[in-house]
Amino acid sequence: MSGRKIPIHASLYRPSLVMGAEREPLLYSALFAILIALGGFTLYAGGAALVFWVVTVFILQKNASFDPQLSKIGLRHFNQQNFYAARSTPWQIGGAKLK
């Protein structure tokens, strides 16, 4: 070993967080808050949207402190099947053709 150190830029390994929360869920919550506010056109709807967004941001920040990619991991978890067969079947989409 020569003891040479190669710097790795932080953008390659640090997750992209906005306001301490994941970017996509935060933007979706802001969109829903805007839709709530515009759906009622009242002061109550605006207050409900603000409360919804503040609570959502707090929850997303707590989730990001636990795991910065929790939503992506959760989606992968829910898309997994309970059982994967040891071999493909003739009815599998895109599978190998059996003769």
PDB file of N, CA and C in Angstrom:
ATOM      1  N   MET A   1       0.826  -1.185   0.000  1.00  0.00           N
ATOM      2  CA  MET A   1       0.000   0.000   0.000  1.00  0.00           C
ATOM      3  C   MET A   1       0.867   1.243   0.000  1.00  0.00           C
ATOM      4  N   SER A   2       0.501   2.158  -0.846  1.00  0.00           N
ATOM      5  CA  SER A   2       1.290   3.379  -0.954  1.00  0.00           C
ATOM      6  C   SER A   2       0.799   4.465  -0.005  1.00  0.00           C
ATOM      7  N   GLY A   3      -0.368   4.260   0.594  1.00  0.00           N
ATOM      8  CA  GLY A   3      -0.893   5.266   1.492  1.00  0.00           C
ATOM      9  C   GLY A   3      -1.556   6.418   0.759  1.00  0.00           C
ATOM     10  N   ARG A   4      -1.777   6.243  -0.530  1.00  0.00           N
ATOM     11  CA  ARG A   4      -2.407   7.284  -1.322  1.00  0.00           C
ATOM     12  C   ARG A   4      -3.905   7.311  -1.057  1.00  0.00           C
ATOM     13  N   LYS A   5      -4.446   8.494  -0.865  1.00  0.00           N
ATOM     14  CA  LYS A   5      -5.871   8.646  -0.597  1.00  0.00           C
ATOM     15  C   LYS A   5      -6.546   9.302  -1.787  1.00  0.00           C
ATOM     16  N   ILE A   6      -7.660   8.704  -2.187  1.00  0.00           N
ATOM     17  CA  ILE A   6      -8.422   9.246  -3.302  1.00  0.00           C
ATOM     18  C   ILE A   6      -9.706   9.846  -2.736  1.00  0.00           C
ATOM     19  N   PRO A   7      -9.915  11.132  -2.916  1.00  0.00           N
ATOM     20  CA  PRO A   7     -11.131  11.747  -2.366  1.00  0.00           C
ATOM     21  C   PRO A   7     -12.364  11.333  -3.175  1.00  0.00           C
ATOM     22  N   ILE A   8     -13.436  11.041  -2.475  1.00  0.00           N
ATOM     23  CA  ILE A   8     -14.716  10.731  -3.104  1.00  0.00           C
ATOM     24  C   ILE A   8     -15.666  11.868  -2.767  1.00  0.00           C
ATOM     25  N   HIS A   9     -16.229  12.463  -3.791  1.00  0.00           N
ATOM     26  CA  HIS A   9     -17.102  13.613  -3.581  1.00  0.00           C
ATOM     27  C   HIS A   9     -18.353  13.189  -2.822  1.00  0.00           C
ATOM     28  N   ALA A  10     -18.813  14.036  -1.920  1.00  0.00           N
ATOM     29  CA  ALA A  10     -19.950  13.705  -1.051  1.00  0.00           C
ATOM     30  C   ALA A  10     -21.240  13.476  -1.826  1.00  0.00           C
ATOM     31  N   SER A  11     -21.379  14.073  -2.997  1.00  0.00           N
ATOM     32  CA  SER A  11     -22.612  13.890  -3.766  1.00  0.00           C
ATOM     33  C   SER A  11     -22.756  12.472  -4.297  1.00  0.00           C
ATOM     34  N   LEU A  12     -21.686  11.693  -4.275  1.00  0.00           N
ATOM     35  CA  LEU A  12     -21.756  10.320  -4.758  1.00  0.00           C
ATOM     36  C   LEU A  12     -22.330   9.362  -3.721  1.00  0.00           C
ATOM     37  N   TYR A  13     -22.236   9.683  -2.454  1.00  0.00           N
ATOM     38  CA  TYR A  13     -22.715   8.758  -1.429  1.00  0.00           C
ATOM     39  C   TYR A  13     -23.739   9.366  -0.472  1.00  0.00           C
ATOM     40  N   ARG A  14     -23.863  10.674  -0.446  1.00  0.00           N
ATOM     41  CA  ARG A  14     -24.816  11.319   0.459  1.00  0.00           C
ATOM     42  C   ARG A  14     -26.186  11.395  -0.202  1.00  0.00           C
ATOM     43  N   PRO A  15     -27.243  10.993   0.492  1.00  0.00           N
ATOM     44  CA  PRO A  15     -28.577  11.051  -0.113  1.00  0.00           C
ATOM     45  C   PRO A  15     -29.042  12.492  -0.300  1.00  0.00           C
ATOM     46  N   SER A  16     -29.889  12.702  -1.300  1.00  0.00           N
ATOM     47  CA  SER A  16     -30.374  14.059  -1.552  1.00  0.00           C
ATOM     48  C   SER A  16     -31.602  14.315  -0.683  1.00  0.00           C
ATOM     49  N   LEU A  17     -31.425  15.119   0.349  1.00  0.00           N
ATOM     50  CA  LEU A  17     -32.498  15.469   1.270  1.00  0.00           C
ATOM     51  C   LEU A  17     -32.844  16.944   1.105  1.00  0.00           C
ATOM     52  N   VAL A  18     -34.120  17.249   1.228  1.00  0.00           N
ATOM     53  CA  VAL A  18     -34.591  18.634   1.183  1.00  0.00           C
ATOM     54  C   VAL A  18     -35.281  18.897   2.509  1.00  0.00           C
ATOM     55  N   MET A  19     -34.847  19.909   3.222  1.00  0.00           N
ATOM     56  CA  MET A  19     -35.385  20.241   4.546  1.00  0.00           C
ATOM     57  C   MET A  19     -35.264  19.058   5.503  1.00  0.00           C
ATOM     58  N   GLY A  20     -34.243  18.227   5.323  1.00  0.00           N
ATOM     59  CA  GLY A  20     -34.015  17.092   6.204  1.00  0.00           C
ATOM     60  C   GLY A  20     -34.898  15.894   5.916  1.00  0.00           C
ATOM     61  N   ALA A  21     -35.618  15.896   4.795  1.00  0.00           N
ATOM     62  CA  ALA A  21     -36.507  14.797   4.430  1.00  0.00           C
ATOM     63  C   ALA A  21     -36.194  14.374   2.996  1.00  0.00           C
ATOM     64  N   GLU A  22     -36.692  13.194   2.623  1.00  0.00           N
ATOM     65  CA  GLU A  22     -36.503  12.736   1.254  1.00  0.00           C
ATOM     66  C   GLU A  22     -37.192  13.690   0.283  1.00  0.00           C
ATOM     67  N   ARG A  23     -36.620  13.831  -0.874  1.00  0.00           N
ATOM     68  CA  ARG A  23     -37.092  14.837  -1.828  1.00  0.00           C
ATOM     69  C   ARG A  23     -38.477  14.522  -2.382  1.00  0.00           C
ATOM     70  N   GLU A  24     -38.673  13.304  -2.905  1.00  0.00           N
ATOM     71  CA  GLU A  24     -39.940  12.980  -3.575  1.00  0.00           C
ATOM     72  C   GLU A  24     -41.131  12.995  -2.620  1.00  0.00           C
ATOM     73  N   PRO A  25     -41.076  12.325  -1.456  1.00  0.00           N
ATOM     74  CA  PRO A  25     -42.234  12.393  -0.563  1.00  0.00           C
ATOM     75  C   PRO A  25     -42.521  13.803  -0.053  1.00  0.00           C
ATOM     76  N   LEU A  26     -41.479  14.602   0.125  1.00  0.00           N
ATOM     77  CA  LEU A  26     -41.685  15.982   0.573  1.00  0.00           C
ATOM     78  C   LEU A  26     -42.410  16.799  -0.492  1.00  0.00           C
ATOM     79  N   LEU A  27     -42.021  16.626  -1.739  1.00  0.00           N
ATOM     80  CA  LEU A  27     -42.683  17.361  -2.813  1.00  0.00           C
ATOM     81  C   LEU A  27     -44.122  16.883  -3.001  1.00  0.00           C
ATOM     82  N   TYR A  28     -44.357  15.580  -2.853  1.00  0.00           N
ATOM     83  CA  TYR A  28     -45.732  15.075  -2.948  1.00  0.00           C
ATOM     84  C   TYR A  28     -46.595  15.625  -1.811  1.00  0.00           C
ATOM     85  N   SER A  29     -46.033  15.713  -0.617  1.00  0.00           N
ATOM     86  CA  SER A  29     -46.821  16.254   0.496  1.00  0.00           C
ATOM     87  C   SER A  29     -47.119  17.736   0.285  1.00  0.00           C
ATOM     88  N   ALA A  30     -46.175  18.476  -0.295  1.00  0.00           N
ATOM     89  CA  ALA A  30     -46.428  19.884  -0.604  1.00  0.00           C
ATOM     90  C   ALA A  30     -47.517  20.008  -1.667  1.00  0.00           C
ATOM     91  N   LEU A  31     -47.496  19.123  -2.658  1.00  0.00           N
ATOM     92  CA  LEU A  31     -48.530  19.139  -3.689  1.00  0.00           C
ATOM     93  C   LEU A  31     -49.903  18.859  -3.090  1.00  0.00           C
ATOM     94  N   PHE A  32     -49.987  17.857  -2.214  1.00  0.00           N
ATOM     95  CA  PHE A  32     -51.266  17.546  -1.573  1.00  0.00           C
ATOM     96  C   PHE A  32     -51.745  18.701  -0.697  1.00  0.00           C
ATOM     97  N   ALA A  33     -50.815  19.362  -0.001  1.00  0.00           N
ATOM     98  CA  ALA A  33     -51.202  20.506   0.826  1.00  0.00           C
ATOM     99  C   ALA A  33     -51.752  21.646  -0.034  1.00  0.00           C
ATOM    100  N   ILE A  34     -51.132  21.863  -1.181  1.00  0.00           N
ATOM    101  CA  ILE A  34     -51.633  22.906  -2.085  1.00  0.00           C
ATOM    102  C   ILE A  34     -53.016  22.532  -2.613  1.00  0.00           C
ATOM    103  N   LEU A  35     -53.203  21.252  -2.943  1.00  0.00           N
ATOM    104  CA  LEU A  35     -54.510  20.816  -3.432  1.00  0.00           C
ATOM    105  C   LEU A  35     -55.579  20.948  -2.349  1.00  0.00           C
ATOM    106  N   ILE A  36     -55.219  20.676  -1.093  1.00  0.00           N
ATOM    107  CA  ILE A  36     -56.169  20.845   0.008  1.00  0.00           C
ATOM    108  C   ILE A  36     -56.542  22.315   0.159  1.00  0.00           C
ATOM    109  N   ALA A  37     -55.521  23.178   0.081  1.00  0.00           N
ATOM    110  CA  ALA A  37     -55.777  24.604   0.251  1.00  0.00           C
ATOM    111  C   ALA A  37     -56.625  25.162  -0.892  1.00  0.00           C
ATOM    112  N   LEU A  38     -56.334  24.737  -2.109  1.00  0.00           N
ATOM    113  CA  LEU A  38     -57.079  25.255  -3.255  1.00  0.00           C
ATOM    114  C   LEU A  38     -58.443  24.586  -3.401  1.00  0.00           C
ATOM    115  N   GLY A  39     -58.623  23.440  -2.795  1.00  0.00           N
ATOM    116  CA  GLY A  39     -59.893  22.738  -2.896  1.00  0.00           C
ATOM    117  C   GLY A  39     -61.000  23.420  -2.125  1.00  0.00           C
ATOM    118  N   GLY A  40     -60.658  24.095  -1.040  1.00  0.00           N
ATOM    119  CA  GLY A  40     -61.691  24.723  -0.225  1.00  0.00           C
ATOM    120  C   GLY A  40     -61.828  26.217  -0.425  1.00  0.00           C
ATOM    121  N   PHE A  41     -60.740  26.878  -0.784  1.00  0.00           N
ATOM    122  CA  PHE A  41     -60.713  28.341  -0.929  1.00  0.00           C
ATOM    123  C   PHE A  41     -61.224  29.050   0.318  1.00  0.00           C
ATOM    124  N   THR A  42     -60.986  28.450   1.484  1.00  0.00           N
ATOM    125  CA  THR A  42     -61.377  29.108   2.724  1.00  0.00           C
ATOM    126  C   THR A  42     -60.164  29.184   3.631  1.00  0.00           C
ATOM    127  N   LEU A  43     -60.322  29.936   4.700  1.00  0.00           N
ATOM    128  CA  LEU A  43     -59.248  30.045   5.673  1.00  0.00           C
ATOM    129  C   LEU A  43     -59.048  28.716   6.399  1.00  0.00           C
ATOM    130  N   TYR A  44     -60.139  27.976   6.601  1.00  0.00           N
ATOM    131  CA  TYR A  44     -60.039  26.668   7.252  1.00  0.00           C
ATOM    132  C   TYR A  44     -59.262  25.675   6.393  1.00  0.00           C
ATOM    133  N   ALA A  45     -59.506  25.707   5.096  1.00  0.00           N
ATOM    134  CA  ALA A  45     -58.788  24.805   4.191  1.00  0.00           C
ATOM    135  C   ALA A  45     -57.296  25.157   4.168  1.00  0.00           C
ATOM    136  N   GLY A  46     -56.986  26.447   4.189  1.00  0.00           N
ATOM    137  CA  GLY A  46     -55.584  26.860   4.236  1.00  0.00           C
ATOM    138  C   GLY A  46     -54.910  26.433   5.521  1.00  0.00           C
ATOM    139  N   GLY A  47     -55.627  26.568   6.642  1.00  0.00           N
ATOM    140  CA  GLY A  47     -55.069  26.127   7.930  1.00  0.00           C
ATOM    141  C   GLY A  47     -54.887  24.627   7.979  1.00  0.00           C
ATOM    142  N   ALA A  48     -55.859  23.889   7.446  1.00  0.00           N
ATOM    143  CA  ALA A  48     -55.746  22.427   7.412  1.00  0.00           C
ATOM    144  C   ALA A  48     -54.579  21.993   6.542  1.00  0.00           C
ATOM    145  N   ALA A  49     -54.381  22.684   5.414  1.00  0.00           N
ATOM    146  CA  ALA A  49     -53.258  22.359   4.529  1.00  0.00           C
ATOM    147  C   ALA A  49     -51.927  22.638   5.214  1.00  0.00           C
ATOM    148  N   LEU A  50     -51.853  23.760   5.931  1.00  0.00           N
ATOM    149  CA  LEU A  50     -50.617  24.098   6.631  1.00  0.00           C
ATOM    150  C   LEU A  50     -50.312  23.087   7.735  1.00  0.00           C
ATOM    151  N   VAL A  51     -51.321  22.716   8.507  1.00  0.00           N
ATOM    152  CA  VAL A  51     -51.127  21.725   9.571  1.00  0.00           C
ATOM    153  C   VAL A  51     -50.722  20.380   8.969  1.00  0.00           C
ATOM    154  N   PHE A  52     -51.393  19.979   7.875  1.00  0.00           N
ATOM    155  CA  PHE A  52     -51.061  18.725   7.201  1.00  0.00           C
ATOM    156  C   PHE A  52     -49.608  18.727   6.754  1.00  0.00           C
ATOM    157  N   TRP A  53     -49.159  19.830   6.142  1.00  0.00           N
ATOM    158  CA  TRP A  53     -47.812  19.870   5.608  1.00  0.00           C
ATOM    159  C   TRP A  53     -46.762  19.870   6.718  1.00  0.00           C
ATOM    160  N   VAL A  54     -47.007  20.619   7.791  1.00  0.00           N
ATOM    161  CA  VAL A  54     -46.040  20.673   8.901  1.00  0.00           C
ATOM    162  C   VAL A  54     -45.911  19.294   9.557  1.00  0.00           C
ATOM    163  N   VAL A  55     -47.033  18.637   9.778  1.00  0.00           N
ATOM    164  CA  VAL A  55     -46.992  17.298  10.388  1.00  0.00           C
ATOM    165  C   VAL A  55     -46.297  16.309   9.454  1.00  0.00           C
ATOM    166  N   THR A  56     -46.591  16.388   8.173  1.00  0.00           N
ATOM    167  CA  THR A  56     -45.969  15.486   7.201  1.00  0.00           C
ATOM    168  C   THR A  56     -44.462  15.711   7.123  1.00  0.00           C
ATOM    169  N   VAL A  57     -44.030  16.960   7.119  1.00  0.00           N
ATOM    170  CA  VAL A  57     -42.597  17.252   7.075  1.00  0.00           C
ATOM    171  C   VAL A  57     -41.911  16.704   8.324  1.00  0.00           C
ATOM    172  N   PHE A  58     -42.551  16.851   9.477  1.00  0.00           N
ATOM    173  CA  PHE A  58     -41.982  16.322  10.715  1.00  0.00           C
ATOM    174  C   PHE A  58     -41.823  14.801  10.635  1.00  0.00           C
ATOM    175  N   ILE A  59     -42.855  14.120  10.147  1.00  0.00           N
ATOM    176  CA  ILE A  59     -42.789  12.659  10.033  1.00  0.00           C
ATOM    177  C   ILE A  59     -41.719  12.240   9.017  1.00  0.00           C
ATOM    178  N   LEU A  60     -41.646  12.938   7.899  1.00  0.00           N
ATOM    179  CA  LEU A  60     -40.644  12.599   6.887  1.00  0.00           C
ATOM    180  C   LEU A  60     -39.227  12.862   7.382  1.00  0.00           C
ATOM    181  N   GLN A  61     -39.037  13.888   8.205  1.00  0.00           N
ATOM    182  CA  GLN A  61     -37.717  14.145   8.774  1.00  0.00           C
ATOM    183  C   GLN A  61     -37.322  13.041   9.742  1.00  0.00           C
ATOM    184  N   LYS A  62     -38.280  12.562  10.537  1.00  0.00           N
ATOM    185  CA  LYS A  62     -37.989  11.454  11.455  1.00  0.00           C
ATOM    186  C   LYS A  62     -37.640  10.192  10.672  1.00  0.00           C
ATOM    187  N   ASN A  63     -38.385   9.937   9.584  1.00  0.00           N
ATOM    188  CA  ASN A  63     -38.086   8.777   8.744  1.00  0.00           C
ATOM    189  C   ASN A  63     -36.703   8.894   8.112  1.00  0.00           C
ATOM    190  N   ALA A  64     -36.338  10.079   7.656  1.00  0.00           N
ATOM    191  CA  ALA A  64     -35.035  10.280   7.017  1.00  0.00           C
ATOM    192  C   ALA A  64     -33.896  10.159   8.020  1.00  0.00           C
ATOM    193  N   SER A  65     -34.149  10.496   9.270  1.00  0.00           N
ATOM    194  CA  SER A  65     -33.092  10.315  10.273  1.00  0.00           C
ATOM    195  C   SER A  65     -32.891   8.834  10.575  1.00  0.00           C
ATOM    196  N   PHE A  66     -33.946   8.039  10.412  1.00  0.00           N
ATOM    197  CA  PHE A  66     -33.825   6.588  10.582  1.00  0.00           C
ATOM    198  C   PHE A  66     -33.127   5.963   9.382  1.00  0.00           C
ATOM    199  N   ASP A  67     -33.597   6.278   8.179  1.00  0.00           N
ATOM    200  CA  ASP A  67     -33.001   5.777   6.941  1.00  0.00           C
ATOM    201  C   ASP A  67     -33.297   6.781   5.830  1.00  0.00           C
ATOM    202  N   PRO A  68     -32.269   7.374   5.223  1.00  0.00           N
ATOM    203  CA  PRO A  68     -32.491   8.409   4.216  1.00  0.00           C
ATOM    204  C   PRO A  68     -33.184   7.924   2.944  1.00  0.00           C
ATOM    205  N   GLN A  69     -33.299   6.610   2.750  1.00  0.00           N
ATOM    206  CA  GLN A  69     -33.965   6.085   1.560  1.00  0.00           C
ATOM    207  C   GLN A  69     -35.114   5.161   1.943  1.00  0.00           C
ATOM    208  N   LEU A  70     -35.811   5.484   3.003  1.00  0.00           N
ATOM    209  CA  LEU A  70     -36.837   4.601   3.549  1.00  0.00           C
ATOM    210  C   LEU A  70     -38.004   4.401   2.595  1.00  0.00           C
ATOM    211  N   SER A  71     -38.418   5.420   1.869  1.00  0.00           N
ATOM    212  CA  SER A  71     -39.566   5.255   0.970  1.00  0.00           C
ATOM    213  C   SER A  71     -39.232   4.327  -0.190  1.00  0.00           C
ATOM    214  N   LYS A  72     -38.030   4.429  -0.721  1.00  0.00           N
ATOM    215  CA  LYS A  72     -37.635   3.541  -1.822  1.00  0.00           C
ATOM    216  C   LYS A  72     -37.528   2.096  -1.336  1.00  0.00           C
ATOM    217  N   ILE A  73     -36.990   1.909  -0.145  1.00  0.00           N
ATOM    218  CA  ILE A  73     -36.875   0.565   0.418  1.00  0.00           C
ATOM    219  C   ILE A  73     -38.256  -0.003   0.708  1.00  0.00           C
ATOM    220  N   GLY A  74     -39.156   0.827   1.217  1.00  0.00           N
ATOM    221  CA  GLY A  74     -40.515   0.372   1.502  1.00  0.00           C
ATOM    222  C   GLY A  74     -41.255  -0.043   0.246  1.00  0.00           C
ATOM    223  N   LEU A  75     -41.107   0.734  -0.829  1.00  0.00           N
ATOM    224  CA  LEU A  75     -41.755   0.370  -2.091  1.00  0.00           C
ATOM    225  C   LEU A  75     -41.214  -0.946  -2.630  1.00  0.00           C
ATOM    226  N   ARG A  76     -39.904  -1.149  -2.529  1.00  0.00           N
ATOM    227  CA  ARG A  76     -39.330  -2.417  -2.975  1.00  0.00           C
ATOM    228  C   ARG A  76     -39.834  -3.571  -2.131  1.00  0.00           C
ATOM    229  N   HIS A  77     -39.989  -3.340  -0.832  1.00  0.00           N
ATOM    230  CA  HIS A  77     -40.470  -4.386   0.068  1.00  0.00           C
ATOM    231  C   HIS A  77     -41.896  -4.791  -0.280  1.00  0.00           C
ATOM    232  N   PHE A  78     -42.769  -3.807  -0.536  1.00  0.00           N
ATOM    233  CA  PHE A  78     -44.158  -4.125  -0.832  1.00  0.00           C
ATOM    234  C   PHE A  78     -44.346  -4.724  -2.217  1.00  0.00           C
ATOM    235  N   ASN A  79     -43.412  -4.493  -3.134  1.00  0.00           N
ATOM    236  CA  ASN A  79     -43.511  -5.068  -4.472  1.00  0.00           C
ATOM    237  C   ASN A  79     -42.969  -6.483  -4.548  1.00  0.00           C
ATOM    238  N   GLN A  80     -42.320  -6.948  -3.502  1.00  0.00           N
ATOM    239  CA  GLN A  80     -41.781  -8.303  -3.512  1.00  0.00           C
ATOM    240  C   GLN A  80     -42.889  -9.325  -3.358  1.00  0.00           C
ATOM    241  N   GLN A  81     -42.711 -10.464  -4.012  1.00  0.00           N
ATOM    242  CA  GLN A  81     -43.673 -11.548  -3.898  1.00  0.00           C
ATOM    243  C   GLN A  81     -43.391 -12.337  -2.628  1.00  0.00           C
ATOM    244  N   ASN A  82     -44.397 -13.093  -2.180  1.00  0.00           N
ATOM    245  CA  ASN A  82     -44.201 -13.950  -1.009  1.00  0.00           C
ATOM    246  C   ASN A  82     -43.404 -15.194  -1.353  1.00  0.00           C
ATOM    247  N   PHE A  83     -43.503 -15.650  -2.599  1.00  0.00           N
ATOM    248  CA  PHE A  83     -42.842 -16.886  -2.991  1.00  0.00           C
ATOM    249  C   PHE A  83     -42.294 -16.729  -4.402  1.00  0.00           C
ATOM    250  N   TYR A  84     -41.061 -17.138  -4.618  1.00  0.00           N
ATOM    251  CA  TYR A  84     -40.451 -17.165  -5.932  1.00  0.00           C
ATOM    252  C   TYR A  84     -40.145 -18.613  -6.266  1.00  0.00           C
ATOM    253  N   ALA A  85     -40.675 -19.095  -7.388  1.00  0.00           N
ATOM    254  CA  ALA A  85     -40.466 -20.483  -7.776  1.00  0.00           C
ATOM    255  C   ALA A  85     -38.996 -20.721  -8.129  1.00  0.00           C
ATOM    256  N   ALA A  86     -38.552 -21.976  -7.960  1.00  0.00           N
ATOM    257  CA  ALA A  86     -37.162 -22.320  -8.229  1.00  0.00           C
ATOM    258  C   ALA A  86     -36.876 -22.359  -9.725  1.00  0.00           C
ATOM    259  N   ARG A  87     -37.910 -22.485 -10.549  1.00  0.00           N
ATOM    260  CA  ARG A  87     -37.707 -22.484 -11.991  1.00  0.00           C
ATOM    261  C   ARG A  87     -38.862 -21.746 -12.655  1.00  0.00           C
ATOM    262  N   SER A  88     -38.641 -21.361 -13.891  1.00  0.00           N
ATOM    263  CA  SER A  88     -39.681 -20.620 -14.598  1.00  0.00           C
ATOM    264  C   SER A  88     -40.725 -21.580 -15.146  1.00  0.00           C
ATOM    265  N   THR A  89     -41.858 -21.026 -15.506  1.00  0.00           N
ATOM    266  CA  THR A  89     -42.938 -21.819 -16.082  1.00  0.00           C
ATOM    267  C   THR A  89     -43.168 -21.365 -17.518  1.00  0.00           C
ATOM    268  N   PRO A  90     -43.870 -22.157 -18.318  1.00  0.00           N
ATOM    269  CA  PRO A  90     -44.151 -21.721 -19.701  1.00  0.00           C
ATOM    270  C   PRO A  90     -45.043 -20.488 -19.742  1.00  0.00           C
ATOM    271  N   TRP A  91     -45.750 -20.183 -18.672  1.00  0.00           N
ATOM    272  CA  TRP A  91     -46.678 -19.065 -18.653  1.00  0.00           C
ATOM    273  C   TRP A  91     -46.047 -17.777 -18.144  1.00  0.00           C
ATOM    274  N   GLN A  92     -44.768 -17.816 -17.817  1.00  0.00           N
ATOM    275  CA  GLN A  92     -44.096 -16.636 -17.321  1.00  0.00           C
ATOM    276  C   GLN A  92     -43.907 -15.628 -18.453  1.00  0.00           C
ATOM    277  N   ILE A  93     -44.196 -14.387 -18.192  1.00  0.00           N
ATOM    278  CA  ILE A  93     -44.031 -13.333 -19.202  1.00  0.00           C
ATOM    279  C   ILE A  93     -42.560 -13.040 -19.354  1.00  0.00           C
ATOM    280  N   GLY A  94     -42.073 -13.136 -20.562  1.00  0.00           N
ATOM    281  CA  GLY A  94     -40.667 -12.842 -20.831  1.00  0.00           C
ATOM    282  C   GLY A  94     -39.722 -13.948 -20.406  1.00  0.00           C
ATOM    283  N   GLY A  95     -40.248 -15.091 -20.001  1.00  0.00           N
ATOM    284  CA  GLY A  95     -39.406 -16.198 -19.559  1.00  0.00           C
ATOM    285  C   GLY A  95     -38.877 -17.003 -20.714  1.00  0.00           C
ATOM    286  N   ALA A  96     -38.100 -18.011 -20.368  1.00  0.00           N
ATOM    287  CA  ALA A  96     -37.520 -18.881 -21.389  1.00  0.00           C
ATOM    288  C   ALA A  96     -38.611 -19.753 -21.992  1.00  0.00           C
ATOM    289  N   LYS A  97     -38.517 -19.978 -23.293  1.00  0.00           N
ATOM    290  CA  LYS A  97     -39.483 -20.812 -23.974  1.00  0.00           C
ATOM    291  C   LYS A  97     -39.099 -22.277 -23.799  1.00  0.00           C
ATOM    292  N   LEU A  98     -40.022 -23.083 -23.302  1.00  0.00           N
ATOM    293  CA  LEU A  98     -39.777 -24.509 -23.135  1.00  0.00           C
ATOM    294  C   LEU A  98     -40.207 -25.245 -24.392  1.00  0.00           C
ATOM    295  N   LYS A  99     -39.445 -26.267 -24.766  1.00  0.00           N
ATOM    296  CA  LYS A  99     -39.789 -27.031 -25.974  1.00  0.00           C
ATOM    297  C   LYS A  99     -40.515 -28.291 -25.622  1.00  0.00           C
TER     298      LYS A  99
END
